[in-house]
PDB file of N, CA and C in Angstrom:
ATOM      1  N   MET A   1       0.845  -1.173   0.000  1.00  0.00           N
ATOM      2  CA  MET A   1       0.000   0.000   0.000  1.00  0.00           C
ATOM      3  C   MET A   1       0.894   1.241   0.000  1.00  0.00           C
ATOM      4  N   VAL A   2       0.516   2.240  -0.776  1.00  0.00           N
ATOM      5  CA  VAL A   2       1.261   3.493  -0.879  1.00  0.00           C
ATOM      6  C   VAL A   2       0.429   4.621  -0.283  1.00  0.00           C
ATOM      7  N   SER A   3       1.080   5.467   0.518  1.00  0.00           N
ATOM      8  CA  SER A   3       0.412   6.613   1.145  1.00  0.00           C
ATOM      9  C   SER A   3       1.224   7.875   0.894  1.00  0.00           C
ATOM     10  N   TRP A   4       0.523   9.006   0.849  1.00  0.00           N
ATOM     11  CA  TRP A   4       1.170  10.314   0.758  1.00  0.00           C
ATOM     12  C   TRP A   4       0.832  11.104   2.015  1.00  0.00           C
ATOM     13  N   VAL A   5       1.866  11.745   2.609  1.00  0.00           N
ATOM     14  CA  VAL A   5       1.716  12.506   3.852  1.00  0.00           C
ATOM     15  C   VAL A   5       2.343  13.881   3.662  1.00  0.00           C
ATOM     16  N   ARG A   6       1.660  14.927   4.146  1.00  0.00           N
ATOM     17  CA  ARG A   6       2.257  16.270   4.184  1.00  0.00           C
ATOM     18  C   ARG A   6       3.025  16.351   5.496  1.00  0.00           C
ATOM     19  N   ARG A   7       4.337  16.521   5.436  1.00  0.00           N
ATOM     20  CA  ARG A   7       5.180  16.434   6.623  1.00  0.00           C
ATOM     21  C   ARG A   7       5.007  17.604   7.587  1.00  0.00           C
ATOM     22  N   ARG A   8       4.616  18.765   7.101  1.00  0.00           N
ATOM     23  CA  ARG A   8       4.477  19.945   7.963  1.00  0.00           C
ATOM     24  C   ARG A   8       3.615  19.646   9.181  1.00  0.00           C
ATOM     25  N   ASP A   9       2.508  18.968   8.951  1.00  0.00           N
ATOM     26  CA  ASP A   9       1.568  18.663  10.035  1.00  0.00           C
ATOM     27  C   ASP A   9       1.255  17.169  10.109  1.00  0.00           C
ATOM     28  N   TYR A  10       2.032  16.369   9.371  1.00  0.00           N
ATOM     29  CA  TYR A  10       1.830  14.912   9.292  1.00  0.00           C
ATOM     30  C   TYR A  10       0.389  14.567   8.924  1.00  0.00           C
ATOM     31  N   HIS A  11      -0.153  15.367   8.001  1.00  0.00           N
ATOM     32  CA  HIS A  11      -1.525  15.147   7.529  1.00  0.00           C
ATOM     33  C   HIS A  11      -1.523  14.042   6.475  1.00  0.00           C
ATOM     34  N   LEU A  12      -2.279  12.995   6.734  1.00  0.00           N
ATOM     35  CA  LEU A  12      -2.410  11.894   5.783  1.00  0.00           C
ATOM     36  C   LEU A  12      -3.269  12.366   4.613  1.00  0.00           C
ATOM     37  N   LEU A  13      -2.684  12.391   3.424  1.00  0.00           N
ATOM     38  CA  LEU A  13      -3.391  12.886   2.243  1.00  0.00           C
ATOM     39  C   LEU A  13      -4.073  11.767   1.475  1.00  0.00           C
ATOM     40  N   THR A  14      -3.362  10.655   1.283  1.00  0.00           N
ATOM     41  CA  THR A  14      -3.923   9.535   0.522  1.00  0.00           C
ATOM     42  C   THR A  14      -3.440   8.211   1.099  1.00  0.00           C
ATOM     43  N   VAL A  15      -4.258   7.186   0.917  1.00  0.00           N
ATOM     44  CA  VAL A  15      -3.871   5.802   1.208  1.00  0.00           C
ATOM     45  C   VAL A  15      -4.378   4.981   0.037  1.00  0.00           C
ATOM     46  N   GLY A  16      -3.445   4.333  -0.672  1.00  0.00           N
ATOM     47  CA  GLY A  16      -3.851   3.626  -1.881  1.00  0.00           C
ATOM     48  C   GLY A  16      -4.531   4.605  -2.824  1.00  0.00           C
ATOM     49  N   PRO A  17      -5.650   4.229  -3.403  1.00  0.00           N
ATOM     50  CA  PRO A  17      -6.332   5.098  -4.361  1.00  0.00           C
ATOM     51  C   PRO A  17      -7.292   6.105  -3.719  1.00  0.00           C
ATOM     52  N   VAL A  18      -7.332   6.157  -2.386  1.00  0.00           N
ATOM     53  CA  VAL A  18      -8.317   6.988  -1.684  1.00  0.00           C
ATOM     54  C   VAL A  18      -7.669   8.248  -1.111  1.00  0.00           C
ATOM     55  N   ALA A  19      -8.266   9.419  -1.385  1.00  0.00           N
ATOM     56  CA  ALA A  19      -7.822  10.683  -0.805  1.00  0.00           C
ATOM     57  C   ALA A  19      -8.498  10.876   0.549  1.00  0.00           C
ATOM     58  N   TYR A  20      -7.702  11.211   1.580  1.00  0.00           N
ATOM     59  CA  TYR A  20      -8.223  11.398   2.931  1.00  0.00           C
ATOM     60  C   TYR A  20      -8.286  12.856   3.340  1.00  0.00           C
ATOM     61  N   SER A  21      -7.802  13.750   2.514  1.00  0.00           N
ATOM     62  CA  SER A  21      -7.812  15.167   2.843  1.00  0.00           C
ATOM     63  C   SER A  21      -9.172  15.772   2.529  1.00  0.00           C
ATOM     64  N   SER A  22      -9.622  16.672   3.395  1.00  0.00           N
ATOM     65  CA  SER A  22     -10.872  17.384   3.115  1.00  0.00           C
ATOM     66  C   SER A  22     -10.654  18.447   2.036  1.00  0.00           C
ATOM     67  N   ASP A  23      -9.396  18.731   1.728  1.00  0.00           N
ATOM     68  CA  ASP A  23      -9.043  19.684   0.677  1.00  0.00           C
ATOM     69  C   ASP A  23      -9.143  18.965  -0.667  1.00  0.00           C
ATOM     70  N   GLN A  24     -10.135  19.312  -1.449  1.00  0.00           N
ATOM     71  CA  GLN A  24     -10.413  18.637  -2.719  1.00  0.00           C
ATOM     72  C   GLN A  24      -9.322  18.830  -3.772  1.00  0.00           C
ATOM     73  N   ARG A  25      -8.352  19.705  -3.511  1.00  0.00           N
ATOM     74  CA  ARG A  25      -7.267  19.924  -4.471  1.00  0.00           C
ATOM     75  C   ARG A  25      -6.286  18.757  -4.508  1.00  0.00           C
ATOM     76  N   PHE A  26      -6.283  17.923  -3.461  1.00  0.00           N
ATOM     77  CA  PHE A  26      -5.371  16.782  -3.381  1.00  0.00           C
ATOM     78  C   PHE A  26      -6.044  15.535  -3.921  1.00  0.00           C
ATOM     79  N   SER A  27      -5.334  14.825  -4.785  1.00  0.00           N
ATOM     80  CA  SER A  27      -5.844  13.556  -5.302  1.00  0.00           C
ATOM     81  C   SER A  27      -4.654  12.650  -5.612  1.00  0.00           C
ATOM     82  N   VAL A  28      -4.952  11.387  -5.831  1.00  0.00           N
ATOM     83  CA  VAL A  28      -3.910  10.425  -6.141  1.00  0.00           C
ATOM     84  C   VAL A  28      -4.295   9.680  -7.412  1.00  0.00           C
ATOM     85  N   ARG A  29      -3.290   9.308  -8.177  1.00  0.00           N
ATOM     86  CA  ARG A  29      -3.526   8.550  -9.402  1.00  0.00           C
ATOM     87  C   ARG A  29      -2.504   7.427  -9.458  1.00  0.00           C
ATOM     88  N   TYR A  30      -2.972   6.236  -9.764  1.00  0.00           N
ATOM     89  CA  TYR A  30      -2.086   5.084  -9.917  1.00  0.00           C
ATOM     90  C   TYR A  30      -2.090   4.664 -11.374  1.00  0.00           C
ATOM     91  N   ILE A  31      -0.899   4.619 -11.963  1.00  0.00           N
ATOM     92  CA  ILE A  31      -0.752   4.170 -13.343  1.00  0.00           C
ATOM     93  C   ILE A  31      -0.198   2.753 -13.278  1.00  0.00           C
ATOM     94  N   LYS A  32      -1.093   1.789 -13.404  1.00  0.00           N
ATOM     95  CA  LYS A  32      -0.752   0.379 -13.199  1.00  0.00           C
ATOM     96  C   LYS A  32       0.353  -0.097 -14.132  1.00  0.00           C
ATOM     97  N   SER A  33       0.266   0.268 -15.408  1.00  0.00           N
ATOM     98  CA  SER A  33       1.250  -0.210 -16.383  1.00  0.00           C
ATOM     99  C   SER A  33       2.667   0.260 -16.056  1.00  0.00           C
ATOM    100  N   GLU A  34       2.794   1.379 -15.336  1.00  0.00           N
ATOM    101  CA  GLU A  34       4.103   1.926 -14.986  1.00  0.00           C
ATOM    102  C   GLU A  34       4.418   1.778 -13.502  1.00  0.00           C
ATOM    103  N   LYS A  35       3.454   1.266 -12.737  1.00  0.00           N
ATOM    104  CA  LYS A  35       3.583   1.138 -11.279  1.00  0.00           C
ATOM    105  C   LYS A  35       3.928   2.473 -10.637  1.00  0.00           C
ATOM    106  N   ASP A  36       3.304   3.536 -11.100  1.00  0.00           N
ATOM    107  CA  ASP A  36       3.533   4.885 -10.583  1.00  0.00           C
ATOM    108  C   ASP A  36       2.362   5.339  -9.729  1.00  0.00           C
ATOM    109  N   TRP A  37       2.668   5.881  -8.561  1.00  0.00           N
ATOM    110  CA  TRP A  37       1.679   6.506  -7.682  1.00  0.00           C
ATOM    111  C   TRP A  37       1.939   8.001  -7.726  1.00  0.00           C
ATOM    112  N   GLN A  38       0.966   8.777  -8.156  1.00  0.00           N
ATOM    113  CA  GLN A  38       1.151  10.211  -8.337  1.00  0.00           C
ATOM    114  C   GLN A  38       0.258  10.993  -7.383  1.00  0.00           C
ATOM    115  N   LEU A  39       0.869  11.933  -6.668  1.00  0.00           N
ATOM    116  CA  LEU A  39       0.111  12.875  -5.853  1.00  0.00           C
ATOM    117  C   LEU A  39      -0.136  14.108  -6.705  1.00  0.00           C
ATOM    118  N   HIS A  40      -1.392  14.478  -6.878  1.00  0.00           N
ATOM    119  CA  HIS A  40      -1.756  15.664  -7.653  1.00  0.00           C
ATOM    120  C   HIS A  40      -2.235  16.753  -6.697  1.00  0.00           C
ATOM    121  N   ILE A  41      -1.720  17.972  -6.891  1.00  0.00           N
ATOM    122  CA  ILE A  41      -2.172  19.137  -6.129  1.00  0.00           C
ATOM    123  C   ILE A  41      -2.644  20.162  -7.149  1.00  0.00           C
ATOM    124  N   ARG A  42      -3.945  20.413  -7.162  1.00  0.00           N
ATOM    125  CA  ARG A  42      -4.497  21.383  -8.117  1.00  0.00           C
ATOM    126  C   ARG A  42      -4.472  22.779  -7.511  1.00  0.00           C
ATOM    127  N   TYR A  43      -4.320  23.768  -8.373  1.00  0.00           N
ATOM    128  CA  TYR A  43      -4.345  25.170  -7.961  1.00  0.00           C
ATOM    129  C   TYR A  43      -3.409  25.410  -6.776  1.00  0.00           C
ATOM    130  N   VAL A  44      -2.134  25.127  -7.002  1.00  0.00           N
ATOM    131  CA  VAL A  44      -1.105  25.222  -5.970  1.00  0.00           C
ATOM    132  C   VAL A  44      -1.047  26.626  -5.379  1.00  0.00           C
ATOM    133  N   GLN A  45      -0.908  26.679  -4.056  1.00  0.00           N
ATOM    134  CA  GLN A  45      -0.837  27.938  -3.321  1.00  0.00           C
ATOM    135  C   GLN A  45       0.447  27.963  -2.497  1.00  0.00           C
ATOM    136  N   LYS A  46       0.840  29.149  -2.066  1.00  0.00           N
ATOM    137  CA  LYS A  46       2.054  29.315  -1.267  1.00  0.00           C
ATOM    138  C   LYS A  46       2.014  28.425  -0.025  1.00  0.00           C
ATOM    139  N   ARG A  47       0.853  28.271   0.579  1.00  0.00           N
ATOM    140  CA  ARG A  47       0.732  27.464   1.801  1.00  0.00           C
ATOM    141  C   ARG A  47       0.967  25.967   1.546  1.00  0.00           C
ATOM    142  N   ASP A  48       0.986  25.551   0.276  1.00  0.00           N
ATOM    143  CA  ASP A  48       1.257  24.151  -0.062  1.00  0.00           C
ATOM    144  C   ASP A  48       2.748  23.829  -0.017  1.00  0.00           C
ATOM    145  N   GLU A  49       3.566  24.869   0.073  1.00  0.00           N
ATOM    146  CA  GLU A  49       5.002  24.683   0.085  1.00  0.00           C
ATOM    147  C   GLU A  49       5.419  23.780   1.247  1.00  0.00           C
ATOM    148  N   GLY A  50       6.410  22.945   1.002  1.00  0.00           N
ATOM    149  CA  GLY A  50       6.924  22.093   2.068  1.00  0.00           C
ATOM    150  C   GLY A  50       7.289  20.713   1.574  1.00  0.00           C
ATOM    151  N   VAL A  51       7.465  19.822   2.529  1.00  0.00           N
ATOM    152  CA  VAL A  51       7.913  18.462   2.244  1.00  0.00           C
ATOM    153  C   VAL A  51       6.720  17.515   2.230  1.00  0.00           C
ATOM    154  N   TYR A  52       6.688  16.657   1.214  1.00  0.00           N
ATOM    155  CA  TYR A  52       5.664  15.623   1.083  1.00  0.00           C
ATOM    156  C   TYR A  52       6.376  14.277   1.083  1.00  0.00           C
ATOM    157  N   GLU A  53       5.782  13.308   1.761  1.00  0.00           N
ATOM    158  CA  GLU A  53       6.401  11.996   1.886  1.00  0.00           C
ATOM    159  C   GLU A  53       5.523  10.924   1.261  1.00  0.00           C
ATOM    160  N   CYS A  54       6.139  10.120   0.416  1.00  0.00           N
ATOM    161  CA  CYS A  54       5.475   8.950  -0.146  1.00  0.00           C
ATOM    162  C   CYS A  54       5.958   7.747   0.653  1.00  0.00           C
ATOM    163  N   GLN A  55       5.023   7.005   1.249  1.00  0.00           N
ATOM    164  CA  GLN A  55       5.358   5.854   2.086  1.00  0.00           C
ATOM    165  C   GLN A  55       4.842   4.574   1.437  1.00  0.00           C
ATOM    166  N   ILE A  56       5.689   3.549   1.452  1.00  0.00           N
ATOM    167  CA  ILE A  56       5.276   2.236   0.956  1.00  0.00           C
ATOM    168  C   ILE A  56       5.299   1.271   2.133  1.00  0.00           C
ATOM    169  N   ALA A  57       4.174   0.613   2.358  1.00  0.00           N
ATOM    170  CA  ALA A  57       4.033  -0.313   3.486  1.00  0.00           C
ATOM    171  C   ALA A  57       4.698  -1.639   3.153  1.00  0.00           C
ATOM    172  N   THR A  58       6.010  -1.680   3.326  1.00  0.00           N
ATOM    173  CA  THR A  58       6.787  -2.900   3.134  1.00  0.00           C
ATOM    174  C   THR A  58       7.543  -3.160   4.432  1.00  0.00           C
ATOM    175  N   HIS A  59       8.270  -4.252   4.476  1.00  0.00           N
ATOM    176  CA  HIS A  59       9.093  -4.511   5.649  1.00  0.00           C
ATOM    177  C   HIS A  59      10.528  -4.671   5.195  1.00  0.00           C
ATOM    178  N   PRO A  60      11.425  -3.753   5.524  1.00  0.00           N
ATOM    179  CA  PRO A  60      11.164  -2.518   6.267  1.00  0.00           C
ATOM    180  C   PRO A  60      10.446  -1.492   5.389  1.00  0.00           C
ATOM    181  N   PRO A  61       9.806  -0.488   6.014  1.00  0.00           N
ATOM    182  CA  PRO A  61       9.084   0.537   5.243  1.00  0.00           C
ATOM    183  C   PRO A  61      10.032   1.326   4.340  1.00  0.00           C
ATOM    184  N   ILE A  62       9.493   1.791   3.236  1.00  0.00           N
ATOM    185  CA  ILE A  62      10.243   2.620   2.291  1.00  0.00           C
ATOM    186  C   ILE A  62       9.534   3.964   2.206  1.00  0.00           C
ATOM    187  N   SER A  63      10.325   5.049   2.168  1.00  0.00           N
ATOM    188  CA  SER A  63       9.704   6.359   1.987  1.00  0.00           C
ATOM    189  C   SER A  63      10.592   7.235   1.117  1.00  0.00           C
ATOM    190  N   LEU A  64       9.957   8.184   0.459  1.00  0.00           N
ATOM    191  CA  LEU A  64      10.633   9.136  -0.411  1.00  0.00           C
ATOM    192  C   LEU A  64      10.116  10.516  -0.055  1.00  0.00           C
ATOM    193  N   LEU A  65      11.036  11.455   0.192  1.00  0.00           N
ATOM    194  CA  LEU A  65      10.652  12.824   0.510  1.00  0.00           C
ATOM    195  C   LEU A  65      10.802  13.698  -0.730  1.00  0.00           C
ATOM    196  N   SER A  66       9.812  14.558  -0.957  1.00  0.00           N
ATOM    197  CA  SER A  66       9.847  15.518  -2.058  1.00  0.00           C
ATOM    198  C   SER A  66       9.531  16.886  -1.489  1.00  0.00           C
ATOM    199  N   THR A  67      10.283  17.895  -1.916  1.00  0.00           N
ATOM    200  CA  THR A  67      10.065  19.254  -1.427  1.00  0.00           C
ATOM    201  C   THR A  67       9.434  20.099  -2.520  1.00  0.00           C
ATOM    202  N   LEU A  68       8.329  20.728  -2.182  1.00  0.00           N
ATOM    203  CA  LEU A  68       7.635  21.621  -3.107  1.00  0.00           C
ATOM    204  C   LEU A  68       7.965  23.059  -2.747  1.00  0.00           C
ATOM    205  N   HIS A  69       8.500  23.808  -3.717  1.00  0.00           N
ATOM    206  CA  HIS A  69       8.757  25.235  -3.567  1.00  0.00           C
ATOM    207  C   HIS A  69       7.790  25.964  -4.494  1.00  0.00           C
ATOM    208  N   VAL A  70       7.063  26.916  -3.957  1.00  0.00           N
ATOM    209  CA  VAL A  70       6.127  27.699  -4.758  1.00  0.00           C
ATOM    210  C   VAL A  70       6.744  29.074  -4.960  1.00  0.00           C
ATOM    211  N   VAL A  71       6.974  29.437  -6.226  1.00  0.00           N
ATOM    212  CA  VAL A  71       7.598  30.708  -6.558  1.00  0.00           C
ATOM    213  C   VAL A  71       6.606  31.533  -7.359  1.00  0.00           C
ATOM    214  N   GLY A  72       6.305  32.727  -6.895  1.00  0.00           N
ATOM    215  CA  GLY A  72       5.377  33.589  -7.617  1.00  0.00           C
ATOM    216  C   GLY A  72       3.938  33.323  -7.231  1.00  0.00           C
ATOM    217  N   GLU A  73       3.051  34.046  -7.866  1.00  0.00           N
ATOM    218  CA  GLU A  73       1.619  33.970  -7.573  1.00  0.00           C
ATOM    219  C   GLU A  73       0.981  32.683  -8.062  1.00  0.00           C
ATOM    220  N   PHE A  74       1.345  32.270  -9.269  1.00  0.00           N
ATOM    221  CA  PHE A  74       0.664  31.142  -9.907  1.00  0.00           C
ATOM    222  C   PHE A  74       1.671  30.372 -10.730  1.00  0.00           C
ATOM    223  N   ILE A  75       1.848  29.123 -10.421  1.00  0.00           N
ATOM    224  CA  ILE A  75       2.827  28.309 -11.138  1.00  0.00           C
ATOM    225  C   ILE A  75       2.146  27.430 -12.178  1.00  0.00           C
ATOM    226  N   SER A  76       1.205  26.646 -11.727  1.00  0.00           N
ATOM    227  CA  SER A  76       0.579  25.659 -12.590  1.00  0.00           C
ATOM    228  C   SER A  76      -0.773  25.285 -12.019  1.00  0.00           C
ATOM    229  N   LYS A  77      -1.626  24.760 -12.847  1.00  0.00           N
ATOM    230  CA  LYS A  77      -2.915  24.280 -12.357  1.00  0.00           C
ATOM    231  C   LYS A  77      -2.756  23.005 -11.553  1.00  0.00           C
ATOM    232  N   CYS A  78      -1.669  22.275 -11.800  1.00  0.00           N
ATOM    233  CA  CYS A  78      -1.502  20.992 -11.111  1.00  0.00           C
ATOM    234  C   CYS A  78      -0.024  20.656 -10.961  1.00  0.00           C
ATOM    235  N   ILE A  79       0.357  20.285  -9.760  1.00  0.00           N
ATOM    236  CA  ILE A  79       1.700  19.780  -9.489  1.00  0.00           C
ATOM    237  C   ILE A  79       1.564  18.278  -9.285  1.00  0.00           C
ATOM    238  N   VAL A  80       2.473  17.512  -9.849  1.00  0.00           N
ATOM    239  CA  VAL A  80       2.399  16.053  -9.742  1.00  0.00           C
ATOM    240  C   VAL A  80       3.714  15.519  -9.192  1.00  0.00           C
ATOM    241  N   TYR A  81       3.628  14.739  -8.121  1.00  0.00           N
ATOM    242  CA  TYR A  81       4.766  13.977  -7.625  1.00  0.00           C
ATOM    243  C   TYR A  81       4.533  12.531  -8.003  1.00  0.00           C
ATOM    244  N   THR A  82       5.549  11.880  -8.518  1.00  0.00           N
ATOM    245  CA  THR A  82       5.425  10.483  -8.933  1.00  0.00           C
ATOM    246  C   THR A  82       6.396   9.617  -8.148  1.00  0.00           C
ATOM    247  N   PHE A  83       5.912   8.480  -7.673  1.00  0.00           N
ATOM    248  CA  PHE A  83       6.766   7.494  -7.014  1.00  0.00           C
ATOM    249  C   PHE A  83       6.595   6.184  -7.752  1.00  0.00           C
ATOM    250  N   HIS A  84       7.691   5.671  -8.280  1.00  0.00           N
ATOM    251  CA  HIS A  84       7.666   4.433  -9.061  1.00  0.00           C
ATOM    252  C   HIS A  84       7.967   3.254  -8.147  1.00  0.00           C
ATOM    253  N   VAL A  85       7.058   2.304  -8.095  1.00  0.00           N
ATOM    254  CA  VAL A  85       7.217   1.115  -7.257  1.00  0.00           C
ATOM    255  C   VAL A  85       7.814  -0.010  -8.092  1.00  0.00           C
ATOM    256  N   VAL A  86       8.944  -0.518  -7.654  1.00  0.00           N
ATOM    257  CA  VAL A  86       9.620  -1.598  -8.366  1.00  0.00           C
ATOM    258  C   VAL A  86       9.301  -2.916  -7.676  1.00  0.00           C
ATOM    259  N   GLY A  87       8.981  -3.917  -8.489  1.00  0.00           N
ATOM    260  CA  GLY A  87       8.754  -5.236  -7.905  1.00  0.00           C
ATOM    261  C   GLY A  87       7.370  -5.768  -8.113  1.00  0.00           C
TER     262      GLY A  87
END
């Protein structure tokens, strides 16, 4: 199982294909053919800046940290972080 967490407040954003955030801008997409789990953030805002963690429930656990920097008023309609699962 793959989860995405916002590290600033350890807010659980997604678990598997389900979004747990009340903020509708956050969503997750799994591309089965590529084994990619993507965190999507729509309408990125300055307050979204920070570290996001992708966690894989394995033994031992695996995690990947990604840092989002927001520069200027408006960057993109959607920011995508991708984590490729091997195996």
